[in-house]
Amino acid sequence: MEGRDLSQKILSGEAMERRTFVKAGCMCGALSLIDPTLAASAVTNQQSDDKKNVPQDMNHKQVKNIIKYIDSSQDEQVKENIFSQLGYECFYSRKLDGWIGQYVGNVQAFLDRINVEKKSKYWESLEFNEDKTALKLTGRKVEGCACSFADTPQPPMSLCNYCCKNFQQQLFGMLLGQKVNVEITKSYLHGDESCDTLIYIV
């Protein structure tokens, strides 16, 4: 009984779809007899209505403007909360946890990648201090910030102070397998030629 009801509903739905199709076809056909441009217009209007339901992506300029607005209008605690989360999202959305994961348990291989193989575009050296309580990251001389959101006149300092800081805390915390505290000692956004960092092992 249930199967018969279901079949009837399906057939009924198909019949409705056919009637809608035929009705639309007849309308376009009738319009074409009166004026061929009206038929084309009817189809275009239908396509426009369909596109109205498609969400629009934010463009890069919008995001940069919003970031600059937050940086210039909010107090430090709000900026720290928002931009620290931005750094977190940058790290994980780019799947860098999977990339750095290959070096977990073999920190020396990561150090060799920077110091010996010279594979980093932005980092010149990465070395432990004598008692291995901190890593010193020395950056290469750069002509711009690595972050594309900073590519704007008067870039927001929060991108450096909080976003980049937490990005590095996620990266080095995962590499070392413990919590770290990052101090950015030099940065391009603050007028330096390189971006240098001290990573303290907590």
N, C-alpha and C. Protein backbone atom coordinates (compact mmCIF):
# COMPACT_ATOMS: atom_id res chain seq x y z
N MET A 1 0.84 -1.21 0.00
CA MET A 1 0.00 0.00 0.00
C MET A 1 0.86 1.25 0.00
N GLU A 2 1.86 1.24 0.89
CA GLU A 2 2.77 2.38 0.97
C GLU A 2 3.53 2.55 -0.33
N GLY A 3 3.93 1.43 -0.96
CA GLY A 3 4.65 1.49 -2.21
C GLY A 3 3.81 2.11 -3.31
N ARG A 4 2.48 1.76 -3.31
CA ARG A 4 1.59 2.32 -4.32
C ARG A 4 1.44 3.83 -4.13
N ASP A 5 1.28 4.26 -2.86
CA ASP A 5 1.16 5.69 -2.57
C ASP A 5 2.40 6.45 -3.01
N LEU A 6 3.55 5.85 -2.73
CA LEU A 6 4.82 6.48 -3.10
C LEU A 6 4.93 6.60 -4.61
N SER A 7 4.53 5.54 -5.32
CA SER A 7 4.60 5.57 -6.77
C SER A 7 3.69 6.64 -7.33
N GLN A 8 2.49 6.77 -6.72
CA GLN A 8 1.55 7.79 -7.18
C GLN A 8 2.12 9.19 -6.97
N LYS A 9 2.78 9.40 -5.80
CA LYS A 9 3.38 10.70 -5.52
C LYS A 9 4.48 11.02 -6.52
N ILE A 10 5.30 10.02 -6.83
CA ILE A 10 6.39 10.23 -7.78
C ILE A 10 5.83 10.56 -9.15
N LEU A 11 4.81 9.76 -9.58
CA LEU A 11 4.19 10.01 -10.88
C LEU A 11 3.53 11.37 -10.92
N SER A 12 2.89 11.71 -9.79
CA SER A 12 2.23 13.01 -9.71
C SER A 12 3.24 14.13 -9.83
N GLY A 13 4.41 13.97 -9.13
CA GLY A 13 5.47 14.97 -9.20
C GLY A 13 6.03 15.09 -10.61
N GLU A 14 6.20 13.92 -11.27
CA GLU A 14 6.71 13.95 -12.64
C GLU A 14 5.71 14.64 -13.57
N ALA A 15 4.44 14.37 -13.33
CA ALA A 15 3.42 14.99 -14.17
C ALA A 15 3.43 16.50 -14.01
N MET A 16 3.61 16.96 -12.74
CA MET A 16 3.66 18.40 -12.49
C MET A 16 4.86 19.02 -13.18
N GLU A 17 6.02 18.31 -13.11
CA GLU A 17 7.22 18.83 -13.77
C GLU A 17 7.02 18.92 -15.27
N ARG A 18 6.33 17.90 -15.85
CA ARG A 18 6.07 17.93 -17.29
C ARG A 18 5.15 19.08 -17.66
N ARG A 19 4.10 19.29 -16.82
CA ARG A 19 3.16 20.38 -17.10
C ARG A 19 3.86 21.73 -17.03
N THR A 20 4.77 21.88 -16.01
CA THR A 20 5.52 23.14 -15.88
C THR A 20 6.42 23.36 -17.09
N PHE A 21 7.06 22.27 -17.53
CA PHE A 21 7.96 22.37 -18.69
C PHE A 21 7.19 22.74 -19.95
N VAL A 22 6.06 22.04 -20.15
CA VAL A 22 5.24 22.30 -21.33
C VAL A 22 4.69 23.72 -21.31
N LYS A 23 4.23 24.15 -20.10
CA LYS A 23 3.69 25.49 -19.97
C LYS A 23 4.74 26.54 -20.32
N ALA A 24 5.97 26.33 -19.80
CA ALA A 24 7.04 27.27 -20.08
C ALA A 24 7.39 27.26 -21.56
N GLY A 25 7.41 26.05 -22.14
CA GLY A 25 7.71 25.94 -23.55
C GLY A 25 6.66 26.61 -24.42
N CYS A 26 5.40 26.40 -24.05
CA CYS A 26 4.31 27.02 -24.80
C CYS A 26 4.37 28.54 -24.69
N MET A 27 4.71 29.02 -23.48
CA MET A 27 4.79 30.47 -23.29
C MET A 27 5.87 31.05 -24.17
N CYS A 28 7.04 30.42 -24.15
CA CYS A 28 8.15 30.92 -24.97
C CYS A 28 7.81 30.82 -26.46
N GLY A 29 7.12 29.72 -26.82
CA GLY A 29 6.72 29.55 -28.21
C GLY A 29 5.74 30.63 -28.64
N ALA A 30 4.78 30.92 -27.76
CA ALA A 30 3.78 31.94 -28.08
C ALA A 30 4.44 33.31 -28.19
N LEU A 31 5.35 33.60 -27.27
CA LEU A 31 6.04 34.89 -27.29
C LEU A 31 6.87 35.05 -28.56
N SER A 32 7.45 33.93 -29.00
CA SER A 32 8.30 34.01 -30.19
C SER A 32 7.49 34.33 -31.44
N LEU A 33 6.20 33.92 -31.43
CA LEU A 33 5.35 34.25 -32.57
C LEU A 33 5.05 35.74 -32.62
N ILE A 34 4.90 36.33 -31.41
CA ILE A 34 4.59 37.76 -31.35
C ILE A 34 5.86 38.57 -31.61
N ASP A 35 6.91 38.26 -30.83
CA ASP A 35 8.17 38.99 -30.95
C ASP A 35 9.28 38.07 -30.46
N PRO A 36 10.18 37.64 -31.34
CA PRO A 36 11.25 36.71 -30.94
C PRO A 36 12.08 37.20 -29.76
N THR A 37 12.22 38.52 -29.60
CA THR A 37 13.03 39.03 -28.50
C THR A 37 12.35 38.81 -27.16
N LEU A 38 11.02 38.69 -27.14
CA LEU A 38 10.31 38.47 -25.87
C LEU A 38 10.62 37.09 -25.30
N ALA A 39 10.72 36.10 -26.18
CA ALA A 39 11.05 34.74 -25.73
C ALA A 39 12.42 34.71 -25.09
N ALA A 40 13.39 35.34 -25.74
CA ALA A 40 14.75 35.39 -25.20
C ALA A 40 14.76 36.13 -23.87
N SER A 41 13.97 37.20 -23.78
CA SER A 41 13.89 37.98 -22.55
C SER A 41 13.32 37.16 -21.41
N ALA A 42 12.32 36.33 -21.71
CA ALA A 42 11.70 35.50 -20.67
C ALA A 42 12.71 34.51 -20.10
N VAL A 43 13.51 33.92 -20.99
CA VAL A 43 14.54 32.97 -20.54
C VAL A 43 15.60 33.68 -19.71
N THR A 44 16.03 34.86 -20.16
CA THR A 44 17.05 35.64 -19.44
C THR A 44 16.57 36.03 -18.06
N ASN A 45 15.30 36.44 -17.96
CA ASN A 45 14.73 36.82 -16.66
C ASN A 45 14.72 35.64 -15.70
N GLN A 46 14.40 34.45 -16.23
CA GLN A 46 14.38 33.26 -15.40
C GLN A 46 15.78 32.95 -14.88
N GLN A 47 16.78 33.10 -15.76
CA GLN A 47 18.17 32.85 -15.37
C GLN A 47 18.62 33.87 -14.32
N SER A 48 18.18 35.12 -14.47
CA SER A 48 18.54 36.16 -13.51
C SER A 48 17.95 35.86 -12.15
N ASP A 49 16.69 35.36 -12.14
CA ASP A 49 16.05 35.01 -10.87
C ASP A 49 16.81 33.89 -10.17
N ASP A 50 17.30 32.92 -10.98
CA ASP A 50 18.06 31.81 -10.40
C ASP A 50 19.36 32.30 -9.78
N LYS A 51 20.02 33.28 -10.44
CA LYS A 51 21.30 33.79 -9.96
C LYS A 51 21.15 34.61 -8.68
N LYS A 52 19.96 35.15 -8.44
CA LYS A 52 19.75 35.95 -7.24
C LYS A 52 19.94 35.12 -5.97
N ASN A 53 19.74 33.82 -6.10
CA ASN A 53 19.84 32.94 -4.94
C ASN A 53 21.26 32.44 -4.68
N VAL A 54 22.19 32.79 -5.55
CA VAL A 54 23.58 32.35 -5.39
C VAL A 54 24.32 33.34 -4.49
N PRO A 55 24.87 32.89 -3.33
CA PRO A 55 25.58 33.81 -2.43
C PRO A 55 26.85 34.34 -3.08
N GLN A 56 27.14 35.60 -2.81
CA GLN A 56 28.32 36.24 -3.38
C GLN A 56 29.50 36.14 -2.42
N ASP A 57 30.66 35.75 -2.93
CA ASP A 57 31.87 35.69 -2.11
C ASP A 57 32.40 37.09 -1.83
N MET A 58 32.98 37.25 -0.63
CA MET A 58 33.65 38.51 -0.33
C MET A 58 34.95 38.57 -1.14
N ASN A 59 35.28 39.74 -1.65
CA ASN A 59 36.54 39.85 -2.37
C ASN A 59 37.65 40.30 -1.42
N HIS A 60 38.87 40.24 -1.93
CA HIS A 60 40.04 40.49 -1.09
C HIS A 60 40.05 41.93 -0.55
N LYS A 61 39.60 42.86 -1.37
CA LYS A 61 39.57 44.26 -0.95
C LYS A 61 38.62 44.46 0.22
N GLN A 62 37.47 43.80 0.18
CA GLN A 62 36.52 43.90 1.29
C GLN A 62 37.15 43.41 2.59
N VAL A 63 37.82 42.26 2.50
CA VAL A 63 38.43 41.68 3.71
C VAL A 63 39.49 42.62 4.27
N LYS A 64 40.34 43.17 3.38
CA LYS A 64 41.38 44.09 3.84
C LYS A 64 40.78 45.34 4.48
N ASN A 65 39.70 45.84 3.92
CA ASN A 65 39.04 47.03 4.50
C ASN A 65 38.46 46.73 5.87
N ILE A 66 37.87 45.56 6.02
CA ILE A 66 37.31 45.17 7.33
C ILE A 66 38.41 45.03 8.36
N ILE A 67 39.52 44.39 7.96
CA ILE A 67 40.65 44.20 8.87
C ILE A 67 41.21 45.56 9.31
N LYS A 68 41.36 46.48 8.37
CA LYS A 68 41.86 47.82 8.70
C LYS A 68 40.89 48.54 9.63
N TYR A 69 39.60 48.37 9.41
CA TYR A 69 38.60 49.02 10.26
C TYR A 69 38.70 48.50 11.70
N ILE A 70 38.80 47.20 11.85
CA ILE A 70 38.92 46.61 13.19
C ILE A 70 40.17 47.11 13.89
N ASP A 71 41.28 47.14 13.15
CA ASP A 71 42.55 47.57 13.73
C ASP A 71 42.52 49.03 14.17
N SER A 72 41.80 49.87 13.44
CA SER A 72 41.80 51.30 13.74
C SER A 72 40.71 51.73 14.71
N SER A 73 39.72 50.86 14.95
CA SER A 73 38.57 51.30 15.74
C SER A 73 38.38 50.58 17.07
N GLN A 74 39.06 49.45 17.26
CA GLN A 74 38.81 48.64 18.45
C GLN A 74 39.96 48.76 19.47
N ASP A 75 39.63 48.43 20.72
CA ASP A 75 40.68 48.48 21.76
C ASP A 75 41.59 47.26 21.63
N GLU A 76 42.70 47.27 22.37
CA GLU A 76 43.73 46.25 22.20
C GLU A 76 43.24 44.84 22.51
N GLN A 77 42.38 44.70 23.52
CA GLN A 77 41.91 43.36 23.87
C GLN A 77 41.07 42.76 22.76
N VAL A 78 40.20 43.58 22.17
CA VAL A 78 39.38 43.11 21.06
C VAL A 78 40.26 42.75 19.87
N LYS A 79 41.23 43.61 19.57
CA LYS A 79 42.14 43.34 18.45
C LYS A 79 42.94 42.07 18.69
N GLU A 80 43.41 41.89 19.90
CA GLU A 80 44.17 40.68 20.21
C GLU A 80 43.31 39.43 20.00
N ASN A 81 42.07 39.47 20.46
CA ASN A 81 41.18 38.32 20.32
C ASN A 81 40.91 38.00 18.86
N ILE A 82 40.57 39.02 18.09
CA ILE A 82 40.20 38.81 16.69
C ILE A 82 41.40 38.40 15.84
N PHE A 83 42.50 39.13 15.97
CA PHE A 83 43.65 38.86 15.11
C PHE A 83 44.39 37.60 15.52
N SER A 84 44.35 37.24 16.80
CA SER A 84 44.93 35.96 17.21
C SER A 84 44.16 34.80 16.58
N GLN A 85 42.84 34.95 16.53
CA GLN A 85 42.02 33.93 15.87
C GLN A 85 42.31 33.88 14.37
N LEU A 86 42.56 35.04 13.78
CA LEU A 86 42.90 35.09 12.36
C LEU A 86 44.20 34.32 12.09
N GLY A 87 45.18 34.48 12.98
CA GLY A 87 46.42 33.73 12.84
C GLY A 87 46.21 32.24 12.96
N TYR A 88 45.34 31.85 13.89
CA TYR A 88 44.98 30.43 14.07
C TYR A 88 44.34 29.89 12.80
N GLU A 89 43.38 30.64 12.26
CA GLU A 89 42.67 30.21 11.05
C GLU A 89 43.62 30.13 9.86
N CYS A 90 44.54 31.07 9.77
CA CYS A 90 45.51 31.07 8.68
C CYS A 90 46.34 29.79 8.71
N PHE A 91 46.77 29.40 9.89
CA PHE A 91 47.60 28.21 10.03
C PHE A 91 46.84 26.95 9.63
N TYR A 92 45.63 26.78 10.17
CA TYR A 92 44.90 25.53 9.95
C TYR A 92 44.18 25.50 8.60
N SER A 93 43.68 26.64 8.11
CA SER A 93 42.97 26.63 6.84
C SER A 93 43.91 26.32 5.67
N ARG A 94 45.18 26.64 5.85
CA ARG A 94 46.17 26.33 4.81
C ARG A 94 46.79 24.94 5.01
N LYS A 95 46.25 24.21 5.99
CA LYS A 95 46.67 22.83 6.27
C LYS A 95 48.16 22.73 6.60
N LEU A 96 48.68 23.75 7.26
CA LEU A 96 50.10 23.73 7.63
C LEU A 96 50.35 22.79 8.80
N ASP A 97 49.29 22.41 9.50
CA ASP A 97 49.47 21.42 10.57
C ASP A 97 49.93 20.09 9.98
N GLY A 98 49.42 19.76 8.78
CA GLY A 98 49.86 18.53 8.12
C GLY A 98 51.29 18.63 7.65
N TRP A 99 51.68 19.83 7.19
CA TRP A 99 53.05 20.02 6.71
C TRP A 99 54.05 19.96 7.86
N ILE A 100 53.79 20.69 8.95
CA ILE A 100 54.73 20.71 10.06
C ILE A 100 54.71 19.39 10.82
N GLY A 101 53.61 18.65 10.66
CA GLY A 101 53.48 17.37 11.35
C GLY A 101 54.55 16.36 10.97
N GLN A 102 55.09 16.49 9.76
CA GLN A 102 56.12 15.54 9.32
C GLN A 102 57.44 15.72 10.08
N TYR A 103 57.57 16.88 10.75
CA TYR A 103 58.80 17.14 11.51
C TYR A 103 58.64 16.93 13.01
N VAL A 104 57.42 16.64 13.46
CA VAL A 104 57.19 16.40 14.88
C VAL A 104 57.97 15.16 15.30
N GLY A 105 58.75 15.31 16.36
CA GLY A 105 59.59 14.21 16.80
C GLY A 105 60.96 14.21 16.14
N ASN A 106 61.15 15.11 15.17
CA ASN A 106 62.44 15.22 14.50
C ASN A 106 62.71 16.70 14.22
N VAL A 107 62.84 17.46 15.28
CA VAL A 107 63.02 18.91 15.18
C VAL A 107 64.29 19.25 14.40
N GLN A 108 65.32 18.44 14.56
CA GLN A 108 66.59 18.71 13.89
C GLN A 108 66.42 18.74 12.36
N ALA A 109 65.54 17.89 11.85
CA ALA A 109 65.29 17.86 10.41
C ALA A 109 64.70 19.19 9.95
N PHE A 110 63.84 19.77 10.79
CA PHE A 110 63.26 21.07 10.44
C PHE A 110 64.33 22.17 10.51
N LEU A 111 65.18 22.11 11.54
CA LEU A 111 66.27 23.08 11.65
C LEU A 111 67.21 22.98 10.44
N ASP A 112 67.50 21.77 10.02
CA ASP A 112 68.37 21.56 8.86
C ASP A 112 67.72 22.12 7.59
N ARG A 113 66.41 22.00 7.50
CA ARG A 113 65.70 22.54 6.35
C ARG A 113 65.93 24.05 6.21
N ILE A 114 65.98 24.73 7.37
CA ILE A 114 66.17 26.18 7.37
C ILE A 114 67.66 26.53 7.27
N ASN A 115 68.47 25.92 8.12
CA ASN A 115 69.87 26.34 8.27
C ASN A 115 70.82 25.74 7.24
N VAL A 116 70.57 24.51 6.83
CA VAL A 116 71.49 23.80 5.94
C VAL A 116 70.97 23.82 4.50
N GLU A 117 69.72 23.39 4.33
CA GLU A 117 69.16 23.28 2.98
C GLU A 117 68.67 24.63 2.44
N LYS A 118 68.50 25.61 3.34
CA LYS A 118 68.09 26.96 2.95
C LYS A 118 66.82 26.96 2.09
N LYS A 119 65.84 26.20 2.53
CA LYS A 119 64.61 26.06 1.74
C LYS A 119 63.53 27.09 2.07
N SER A 120 63.77 27.90 3.08
CA SER A 120 62.75 28.87 3.46
C SER A 120 62.90 30.18 2.69
N LYS A 121 61.79 30.68 2.21
CA LYS A 121 61.79 31.94 1.47
C LYS A 121 61.99 33.14 2.39
N TYR A 122 61.52 33.03 3.63
CA TYR A 122 61.53 34.18 4.54
C TYR A 122 62.50 34.04 5.71
N TRP A 123 62.95 32.82 6.02
CA TRP A 123 63.79 32.60 7.21
C TRP A 123 65.23 32.31 6.82
N GLU A 124 66.14 33.05 7.46
CA GLU A 124 67.56 32.84 7.21
C GLU A 124 68.13 31.75 8.10
N SER A 125 67.77 31.78 9.39
CA SER A 125 68.28 30.78 10.33
C SER A 125 67.30 30.56 11.48
N LEU A 126 67.39 29.39 12.08
CA LEU A 126 66.54 29.02 13.22
C LEU A 126 67.40 28.17 14.15
N GLU A 127 67.73 28.74 15.33
CA GLU A 127 68.69 28.07 16.22
C GLU A 127 68.22 28.13 17.67
N PHE A 128 68.53 27.08 18.41
CA PHE A 128 68.27 27.06 19.84
C PHE A 128 69.30 27.92 20.57
N ASN A 129 68.89 28.48 21.70
CA ASN A 129 69.87 29.12 22.57
C ASN A 129 70.64 28.03 23.33
N GLU A 130 71.59 28.42 24.17
CA GLU A 130 72.49 27.45 24.81
C GLU A 130 71.77 26.42 25.67
N ASP A 131 70.80 26.88 26.46
CA ASP A 131 70.10 25.92 27.34
C ASP A 131 68.82 25.37 26.72
N LYS A 132 68.62 25.65 25.44
CA LYS A 132 67.49 25.13 24.67
C LYS A 132 66.13 25.48 25.29
N THR A 133 66.06 26.70 25.82
CA THR A 133 64.77 27.18 26.35
C THR A 133 64.08 28.10 25.35
N ALA A 134 64.76 28.40 24.25
CA ALA A 134 64.19 29.29 23.24
C ALA A 134 64.82 29.03 21.88
N LEU A 135 64.05 29.34 20.85
CA LEU A 135 64.54 29.31 19.48
C LEU A 135 64.65 30.74 18.98
N LYS A 136 65.74 31.03 18.29
CA LYS A 136 65.89 32.35 17.69
C LYS A 136 65.71 32.22 16.19
N LEU A 137 64.70 32.90 15.68
CA LEU A 137 64.42 32.90 14.25
C LEU A 137 64.89 34.21 13.64
N THR A 138 65.82 34.12 12.71
CA THR A 138 66.32 35.30 12.00
C THR A 138 65.78 35.26 10.58
N GLY A 139 65.10 36.34 10.19
CA GLY A 139 64.48 36.37 8.88
C GLY A 139 65.40 36.87 7.78
N ARG A 140 65.05 36.57 6.56
CA ARG A 140 65.77 37.10 5.41
C ARG A 140 65.34 38.55 5.17
N LYS A 141 66.16 39.30 4.49
CA LYS A 141 65.78 40.65 4.09
C LYS A 141 64.63 40.56 3.10
N VAL A 142 63.57 41.31 3.37
CA VAL A 142 62.37 41.24 2.53
C VAL A 142 61.99 42.61 2.00
N GLU A 143 61.18 42.61 0.97
CA GLU A 143 60.68 43.84 0.38
C GLU A 143 59.18 44.01 0.61
N GLY A 144 58.62 43.15 1.40
CA GLY A 144 57.19 43.23 1.70
C GLY A 144 56.81 42.19 2.72
N CYS A 145 55.63 42.36 3.32
CA CYS A 145 55.14 41.40 4.31
C CYS A 145 54.67 40.13 3.61
N ALA A 146 54.85 39.01 4.27
CA ALA A 146 54.42 37.74 3.70
C ALA A 146 52.90 37.64 3.62
N CYS A 147 52.20 38.42 4.43
CA CYS A 147 50.74 38.37 4.48
C CYS A 147 50.13 39.27 3.41
N SER A 148 49.27 38.72 2.58
CA SER A 148 48.67 39.51 1.51
C SER A 148 47.70 40.56 2.05
N PHE A 149 47.17 40.36 3.25
CA PHE A 149 46.27 41.34 3.84
C PHE A 149 47.02 42.62 4.23
N ALA A 150 48.33 42.52 4.34
CA ALA A 150 49.14 43.69 4.69
C ALA A 150 49.54 44.51 3.46
N ASP A 151 49.19 44.01 2.30
CA ASP A 151 49.53 44.71 1.06
C ASP A 151 48.52 45.83 0.80
N THR A 152 48.64 46.87 1.58
CA THR A 152 47.72 48.00 1.52
C THR A 152 48.39 49.21 2.17
N PRO A 153 48.04 50.42 1.76
CA PRO A 153 48.62 51.60 2.43
C PRO A 153 48.30 51.59 3.93
N GLN A 154 49.28 51.92 4.75
CA GLN A 154 49.12 51.94 6.21
C GLN A 154 48.53 50.61 6.71
N PRO A 155 49.26 49.53 6.52
CA PRO A 155 48.74 48.20 6.92
C PRO A 155 48.49 48.12 8.42
N PRO A 156 47.49 47.37 8.84
CA PRO A 156 47.17 47.24 10.26
C PRO A 156 48.26 46.51 11.02
N MET A 157 48.75 47.12 12.08
CA MET A 157 49.83 46.53 12.87
C MET A 157 49.40 45.26 13.60
N SER A 158 48.10 45.10 13.79
CA SER A 158 47.60 43.90 14.47
C SER A 158 47.91 42.64 13.69
N LEU A 159 48.09 42.76 12.38
CA LEU A 159 48.47 41.59 11.59
C LEU A 159 49.82 41.04 12.05
N CYS A 160 50.70 41.94 12.47
CA CYS A 160 52.01 41.54 12.97
C CYS A 160 51.94 41.21 14.46
N ASN A 161 51.35 42.13 15.24
CA ASN A 161 51.37 42.03 16.70
C ASN A 161 50.63 40.81 17.24
N TYR A 162 49.55 40.41 16.57
CA TYR A 162 48.71 39.32 17.09
C TYR A 162 48.53 38.16 16.11
N CYS A 163 48.25 38.50 14.84
CA CYS A 163 47.97 37.45 13.85
C CYS A 163 49.21 36.59 13.59
N CYS A 164 50.28 37.23 13.17
CA CYS A 164 51.52 36.51 12.88
C CYS A 164 52.07 35.83 14.14
N LYS A 165 51.95 36.52 15.26
CA LYS A 165 52.43 35.96 16.52
C LYS A 165 51.74 34.63 16.82
N ASN A 166 50.41 34.60 16.73
CA ASN A 166 49.70 33.36 17.04
C ASN A 166 49.90 32.31 15.96
N PHE A 167 50.05 32.75 14.73
CA PHE A 167 50.38 31.81 13.65
C PHE A 167 51.65 31.05 14.00
N GLN A 168 52.68 31.78 14.44
CA GLN A 168 53.94 31.14 14.79
C GLN A 168 53.83 30.31 16.06
N GLN A 169 52.99 30.75 16.98
CA GLN A 169 52.80 29.96 18.20
C GLN A 169 52.15 28.61 17.88
N GLN A 170 51.23 28.60 16.92
CA GLN A 170 50.63 27.33 16.49
C GLN A 170 51.68 26.45 15.83
N LEU A 171 52.47 27.04 14.95
CA LEU A 171 53.46 26.28 14.19
C LEU A 171 54.54 25.69 15.10
N PHE A 172 55.18 26.55 15.90
CA PHE A 172 56.29 26.07 16.72
C PHE A 172 55.81 25.25 17.92
N GLY A 173 54.61 25.55 18.40
CA GLY A 173 54.05 24.73 19.48
C GLY A 173 53.85 23.30 19.01
N MET A 174 53.35 23.15 17.77
CA MET A 174 53.13 21.81 17.22
C MET A 174 54.47 21.13 16.93
N LEU A 175 55.42 21.88 16.38
CA LEU A 175 56.73 21.31 16.07
C LEU A 175 57.42 20.77 17.32
N LEU A 176 57.39 21.56 18.39
CA LEU A 176 58.10 21.20 19.62
C LEU A 176 57.27 20.33 20.55
N GLY A 177 55.98 20.24 20.27
CA GLY A 177 55.12 19.39 21.10
C GLY A 177 54.83 19.98 22.46
N GLN A 178 54.93 21.28 22.60
CA GLN A 178 54.61 21.94 23.87
C GLN A 178 54.28 23.41 23.63
N LYS A 179 53.70 24.04 24.64
CA LYS A 179 53.28 25.42 24.49
C LYS A 179 54.49 26.34 24.36
N VAL A 180 54.36 27.33 23.49
CA VAL A 180 55.43 28.31 23.30
C VAL A 180 54.84 29.71 23.35
N ASN A 181 55.70 30.67 23.64
CA ASN A 181 55.31 32.08 23.61
C ASN A 181 56.22 32.80 22.63
N VAL A 182 55.62 33.44 21.64
CA VAL A 182 56.39 34.09 20.58
C VAL A 182 56.52 35.58 20.84
N GLU A 183 57.73 36.07 20.66
CA GLU A 183 57.99 37.51 20.71
C GLU A 183 58.58 37.93 19.37
N ILE A 184 57.88 38.81 18.68
CA ILE A 184 58.37 39.32 17.39
C ILE A 184 59.30 40.50 17.68
N THR A 185 60.57 40.32 17.40
CA THR A 185 61.57 41.34 17.74
C THR A 185 61.85 42.31 16.59
N LYS A 186 61.63 41.88 15.37
CA LYS A 186 61.75 42.75 14.20
C LYS A 186 60.63 42.38 13.23
N SER A 187 60.15 43.38 12.49
CA SER A 187 59.15 43.06 11.48
C SER A 187 59.13 44.12 10.40
N TYR A 188 58.78 43.68 9.20
CA TYR A 188 58.71 44.59 8.07
C TYR A 188 57.67 45.68 8.30
N LEU A 189 56.54 45.31 8.90
CA LEU A 189 55.47 46.29 9.12
C LEU A 189 55.88 47.38 10.11
N HIS A 190 56.84 47.06 10.97
CA HIS A 190 57.33 48.04 11.94
C HIS A 190 58.57 48.78 11.42
N GLY A 191 58.88 48.59 10.15
CA GLY A 191 59.97 49.36 9.55
C GLY A 191 61.30 48.65 9.45
N ASP A 192 61.36 47.37 9.79
CA ASP A 192 62.61 46.62 9.71
C ASP A 192 62.77 45.95 8.35
N GLU A 193 63.98 45.53 8.05
CA GLU A 193 64.24 44.87 6.76
C GLU A 193 63.95 43.38 6.80
N SER A 194 63.83 42.83 8.00
CA SER A 194 63.55 41.40 8.15
C SER A 194 62.55 41.21 9.28
N CYS A 195 62.02 40.01 9.36
CA CYS A 195 61.10 39.65 10.45
C CYS A 195 61.79 38.62 11.33
N ASP A 196 62.14 39.01 12.55
CA ASP A 196 62.85 38.14 13.49
C ASP A 196 61.95 37.80 14.67
N THR A 197 62.17 36.63 15.23
CA THR A 197 61.29 36.15 16.29
C THR A 197 62.08 35.38 17.34
N LEU A 198 61.65 35.50 18.58
CA LEU A 198 62.13 34.64 19.65
C LEU A 198 60.97 33.74 20.08
N ILE A 199 61.23 32.45 20.09
CA ILE A 199 60.20 31.48 20.48
C ILE A 199 60.60 30.87 21.82
N TYR A 200 59.90 31.28 22.87
CA TYR A 200 60.21 30.79 24.21
C TYR A 200 59.40 29.53 24.50
N ILE A 201 60.09 28.51 24.98
CA ILE A 201 59.43 27.26 25.33
C ILE A 201 58.90 27.40 26.76
N VAL A 202 57.59 27.29 26.91
CA VAL A 202 56.94 27.51 28.21
C VAL A 202 57.06 26.22 29.02
